[in-house]
C-alpha atoms as a PDB file:
ATOM      1  CA  ASN A   1      23.066  23.236  51.750  1.00  0.00           C
ATOM      2  CA  GLN A   2      20.100  25.273  50.566  1.00  0.00           C
ATOM      3  CA  ILE A   3      21.837  27.248  47.836  1.00  0.00           C
ATOM      4  CA  ASN A   4      21.708  25.500  44.480  1.00  0.00           C
ATOM      5  CA  LEU A   5      22.019  27.503  41.283  1.00  0.00           C
ATOM      6  CA  ASN A   6      22.732  24.426  39.167  1.00  0.00           C
ATOM      7  CA  PRO A   7      19.603  24.887  37.008  1.00  0.00           C
ATOM      8  CA  GLU A   8      20.827  28.409  36.185  1.00  0.00           C
ATOM      9  CA  VAL A   9      24.375  27.142  35.591  1.00  0.00           C
ATOM     10  CA  ARG A  10      23.057  24.497  33.190  1.00  0.00           C
ATOM     11  CA  ALA A  11      20.923  27.052  31.336  1.00  0.00           C
ATOM     12  CA  LEU A  12      23.921  29.393  31.072  1.00  0.00           C
ATOM     13  CA  TYR A  13      26.048  26.588  29.688  1.00  0.00           C
ATOM     14  CA  VAL A  14      23.514  25.275  27.175  1.00  0.00           C
ATOM     15  CA  ASP A  15      22.000  28.590  26.046  1.00  0.00           C
ATOM     16  CA  THR A  16      25.005  30.921  26.158  1.00  0.00           C
ATOM     17  CA  ILE A  17      28.392  29.281  26.576  1.00  0.00           C
ATOM     18  CA  VAL A  18      28.144  26.399  24.123  1.00  0.00           C
ATOM     19  CA  PRO A  19      26.707  28.537  21.296  1.00  0.00           C
ATOM     20  CA  SER A  20      29.399  31.169  21.964  1.00  0.00           C
ATOM     21  CA  ILE A  21      32.387  28.837  21.847  1.00  0.00           C
ATOM     22  CA  CYS A  22      31.394  25.970  19.556  1.00  0.00           C
ATOM     23  CA  GLU A  23      30.971  25.829  15.832  1.00  0.00           C
ATOM     24  CA  GLU A  24      27.464  25.019  14.703  1.00  0.00           C
ATOM     25  CA  GLY A  25      26.914  21.519  13.412  1.00  0.00           C
ATOM     26  CA  ASP A  26      27.355  17.906  14.382  1.00  0.00           C
ATOM     27  CA  ASP A  27      30.855  16.500  14.798  1.00  0.00           C
ATOM     28  CA  ASN A  28      29.548  13.022  15.792  1.00  0.00           C
ATOM     29  CA  ASN A  29      31.688  13.010  18.939  1.00  0.00           C
ATOM     30  CA  TYR A  30      28.800  12.430  21.318  1.00  0.00           C
ATOM     31  CA  GLY A  31      30.672  10.467  23.963  1.00  0.00           C
ATOM     32  CA  SER A  32      33.643  12.795  24.312  1.00  0.00           C
ATOM     33  CA  SER A  33      31.370  15.842  24.029  1.00  0.00           C
ATOM     34  CA  ALA A  34      29.226  14.524  26.876  1.00  0.00           C
ATOM     35  CA  VAL A  35      32.283  13.899  29.050  1.00  0.00           C
ATOM     36  CA  CYS A  36      33.581  17.414  28.358  1.00  0.00           C
ATOM     37  CA  ASP A  37      30.143  18.943  28.978  1.00  0.00           C
ATOM     38  CA  VAL A  38      29.891  17.257  32.377  1.00  0.00           C
ATOM     39  CA  ALA A  39      33.414  18.371  33.329  1.00  0.00           C
ATOM     40  CA  CYS A  40      32.638  21.948  32.282  1.00  0.00           C
ATOM     41  CA  LEU A  41      29.317  22.003  34.132  1.00  0.00           C
ATOM     42  CA  GLN A  42      30.932  20.643  37.289  1.00  0.00           C
ATOM     43  CA  SER A  43      33.735  23.211  37.101  1.00  0.00           C
ATOM     44  CA  LEU A  44      31.319  26.082  36.518  1.00  0.00           C
ATOM     45  CA  SER A  45      29.100  24.967  39.362  1.00  0.00           C
ATOM     46  CA  LYS A  46      32.031  24.593  41.736  1.00  0.00           C
ATOM     47  CA  ARG A  47      33.431  28.004  40.777  1.00  0.00           C
ATOM     48  CA  ILE A  48      30.057  29.756  41.168  1.00  0.00           C
ATOM     49  CA  HIS A  49      29.063  28.031  44.411  1.00  0.00           C
ATOM     50  CA  TYR A  50      32.512  28.719  45.872  1.00  0.00           C
ATOM     51  CA  GLY A  51      31.060  32.204  46.343  1.00  0.00           C
ATOM     52  CA  LYS A  52      29.742  30.996  49.713  1.00  0.00           C
ATOM     53  CA  PHE A  53      33.281  30.857  51.067  1.00  0.00           C
ATOM     54  CA  VAL A  54      34.108  34.254  49.584  1.00  0.00           C
ATOM     55  CA  ALA A  55      30.968  35.717  51.158  1.00  0.00           C
ATOM     56  CA  GLU A  56      31.917  34.330  54.559  1.00  0.00           C
ATOM     57  CA  SER A  57      35.383  35.846  54.267  1.00  0.00           C
ATOM     58  CA  LYS A  58      33.927  39.226  53.308  1.00  0.00           C
ATOM     59  CA  PHE A  59      31.424  38.968  56.175  1.00  0.00           C
ATOM     60  CA  GLN A  60      34.229  38.299  58.657  1.00  0.00           C
ATOM     61  CA  ALA A  61      36.107  41.359  57.368  1.00  0.00           C
ATOM     62  CA  ASN A  62      33.068  43.669  57.771  1.00  0.00           C
ATOM     63  CA  GLU A  63      30.675  41.972  60.157  1.00  0.00           C
ATOM     64  CA  GLN A  64      28.892  45.146  61.190  1.00  0.00           C
ATOM     65  CA  GLY A  65      28.229  46.351  57.636  1.00  0.00           C
ATOM     66  CA  TYR A  66      26.946  42.999  56.435  1.00  0.00           C
ATOM     67  CA  THR A  67      24.863  42.303  59.551  1.00  0.00           C
ATOM     68  CA  ARG A  68      22.923  45.556  59.098  1.00  0.00           C
ATOM     69  CA  LEU A  69      22.111  44.694  55.479  1.00  0.00           C
ATOM     70  CA  ILE A  70      21.287  41.058  56.282  1.00  0.00           C
ATOM     71  CA  ARG A  71      18.834  42.071  59.021  1.00  0.00           C
ATOM     72  CA  ALA A  72      17.172  44.493  56.616  1.00  0.00           C
ATOM     73  CA  LYS A  73      17.123  41.753  53.922  1.00  0.00           C
ATOM     74  CA  ASP A  74      18.632  44.361  51.619  1.00  0.00           C
ATOM     75  CA  ARG A  75      19.686  42.313  48.579  1.00  0.00           C
ATOM     76  CA  ASP A  76      20.732  45.362  46.575  1.00  0.00           C
ATOM     77  CA  GLY A  77      22.793  46.696  49.467  1.00  0.00           C
ATOM     78  CA  LEU A  78      24.494  43.320  49.918  1.00  0.00           C
ATOM     79  CA  TRP A  79      25.212  43.138  46.177  1.00  0.00           C
ATOM     80  CA  LYS A  80      26.818  46.583  46.274  1.00  0.00           C
ATOM     81  CA  LEU A  81      28.852  45.824  49.385  1.00  0.00           C
ATOM     82  CA  LEU A  82      30.058  42.534  47.906  1.00  0.00           C
ATOM     83  CA  THR A  83      31.138  44.240  44.684  1.00  0.00           C
ATOM     84  CA  ASP A  84      34.745  45.321  44.377  1.00  0.00           C
ATOM     85  CA  GLU A  85      35.060  46.725  40.869  1.00  0.00           C
ATOM     86  CA  GLU A  86      38.858  46.783  41.003  1.00  0.00           C
ATOM     87  CA  VAL A  87      39.014  43.085  41.900  1.00  0.00           C
ATOM     88  CA  GLU A  88      36.513  42.265  39.148  1.00  0.00           C
ATOM     89  CA  ARG A  89      38.517  44.290  36.623  1.00  0.00           C
ATOM     90  CA  LYS A  90      41.691  42.424  37.599  1.00  0.00           C
ATOM     91  CA  LEU A  91      39.871  39.093  37.359  1.00  0.00           C
ATOM     92  CA  LEU A  92      38.584  39.885  33.869  1.00  0.00           C
ATOM     93  CA  ASP A  93      42.060  40.987  32.819  1.00  0.00           C
ATOM     94  CA  ARG A  94      43.494  37.688  34.123  1.00  0.00           C
ATOM     95  CA  VAL A  95      40.744  35.754  32.310  1.00  0.00           C
ATOM     96  CA  PHE A  96      41.652  37.564  29.076  1.00  0.00           C
ATOM     97  CA  ARG A  97      45.343  36.787  29.479  1.00  0.00           C
ATOM     98  CA  LYS A  98      44.728  33.119  30.304  1.00  0.00           C
ATOM     99  CA  ALA A  99      42.270  32.711  27.426  1.00  0.00           C
ATOM    100  CA  SER A 100      44.809  34.353  25.128  1.00  0.00           C
ATOM    101  CA  VAL A 101      47.539  31.899  26.092  1.00  0.00           C
ATOM    102  CA  ILE A 102      45.589  28.691  26.651  1.00  0.00           C
ATOM    103  CA  GLY A 103      43.295  29.217  23.661  1.00  0.00           C
ATOM    104  CA  GLN A 104      45.999  29.723  21.047  1.00  0.00           C
ATOM    105  CA  GLU A 105      46.234  27.414  18.124  1.00  0.00           C
ATOM    106  CA  LEU A 106      49.690  25.950  17.668  1.00  0.00           C
ATOM    107  CA  SER A 107      51.595  25.342  14.487  1.00  0.00           C
ATOM    108  CA  PRO A 108      52.880  21.808  13.754  1.00  0.00           C
ATOM    109  CA  SER A 109      56.232  22.872  15.277  1.00  0.00           C
ATOM    110  CA  GLY A 110      54.493  23.792  18.543  1.00  0.00           C
ATOM    111  CA  ASN A 111      54.810  27.543  18.138  1.00  0.00           C
ATOM    112  CA  SER A 112      51.699  29.655  18.553  1.00  0.00           C
ATOM    113  CA  ILE A 113      50.107  31.084  15.453  1.00  0.00           C
ATOM    114  CA  PRO A 114      49.816  34.862  15.993  1.00  0.00           C
ATOM    115  CA  ALA A 115      46.319  36.142  16.810  1.00  0.00           C
ATOM    116  CA  ARG A 116      44.593  32.854  16.058  1.00  0.00           C
ATOM    117  CA  TYR A 117      42.480  31.413  18.851  1.00  0.00           C
ATOM    118  CA  LYS A 118      40.217  28.433  19.299  1.00  0.00           C
ATOM    119  CA  VAL A 119      37.853  30.847  21.098  1.00  0.00           C
ATOM    120  CA  GLU A 120      38.333  34.603  21.048  1.00  0.00           C
ATOM    121  CA  PRO A 121      39.490  35.721  24.520  1.00  0.00           C
ATOM    122  CA  ASN A 122      36.920  38.539  24.567  1.00  0.00           C
ATOM    123  CA  VAL A 123      34.141  35.950  24.310  1.00  0.00           C
ATOM    124  CA  ILE A 124      35.405  34.272  27.479  1.00  0.00           C
ATOM    125  CA  VAL A 125      35.731  37.642  29.236  1.00  0.00           C
ATOM    126  CA  LYS A 126      32.146  38.515  28.280  1.00  0.00           C
ATOM    127  CA  ILE A 127      30.849  35.207  29.634  1.00  0.00           C
ATOM    128  CA  TYR A 128      32.684  35.822  32.901  1.00  0.00           C
ATOM    129  CA  GLY A 129      31.616  39.441  33.226  1.00  0.00           C
ATOM    130  CA  ASP A 130      28.005  39.008  32.148  1.00  0.00           C
ATOM    131  CA  HIS A 131      27.230  35.638  33.723  1.00  0.00           C
ATOM    132  CA  ILE A 132      29.788  33.928  35.963  1.00  0.00           C
ATOM    133  CA  ILE A 133      30.565  36.896  38.216  1.00  0.00           C
ATOM    134  CA  PRO A 134      26.867  37.813  38.658  1.00  0.00           C
ATOM    135  CA  LEU A 135      25.902  34.202  39.446  1.00  0.00           C
ATOM    136  CA  THR A 136      28.742  34.015  41.965  1.00  0.00           C
ATOM    137  CA  LYS A 137      27.492  37.199  43.622  1.00  0.00           C
ATOM    138  CA  LYS A 138      23.962  35.801  43.626  1.00  0.00           C
ATOM    139  CA  VAL A 139      25.301  32.816  45.599  1.00  0.00           C
ATOM    140  CA  GLN A 140      27.046  35.230  47.961  1.00  0.00           C
ATOM    141  CA  VAL A 141      23.863  37.236  48.591  1.00  0.00           C
ATOM    142  CA  GLU A 142      21.805  34.086  49.176  1.00  0.00           C
ATOM    143  CA  TYR A 143      24.454  32.708  51.523  1.00  0.00           C
ATOM    144  CA  LEU A 144      24.533  35.897  53.577  1.00  0.00           C
ATOM    145  CA  LEU A 145      20.748  36.056  53.838  1.00  0.00           C
ATOM    146  CA  LEU A 146      20.619  32.422  54.985  1.00  0.00           C
ATOM    147  CA  ARG A 147      23.488  33.043  57.389  1.00  0.00           C
ATOM    148  CA  ALA A 148      21.272  35.261  59.552  1.00  0.00           C
END
């Protein structure tokens, strides 16, 4: 497997995600933080690199269109053909809804506290839209170019 964006995934996590979702300071929970960091990095990497399978599926659905762009090594054309703005919009909407539900703080009785989140859902949506989706598409483009 020649496609490895893990250095970019790590940089995204350390430079963007952690500062966006964590309070500044030291909570002295080094062991559990390290375990959570590794789990998050592995999940991000898996999600982003899964783009290879998505790219193959899209290729199979439009072999002629992709083959022309692959032969021309047209990265921009592949990026555009891979992009489905409606699907991305629906994904970002689903991310917002999940972050809104999963990220709620709960009262001692277990009920959610209105409009109070551990991480604002829009922060998660921005990370997805600005970083995770583009890295996934980068994997897709690289996969298609190597596929030739």
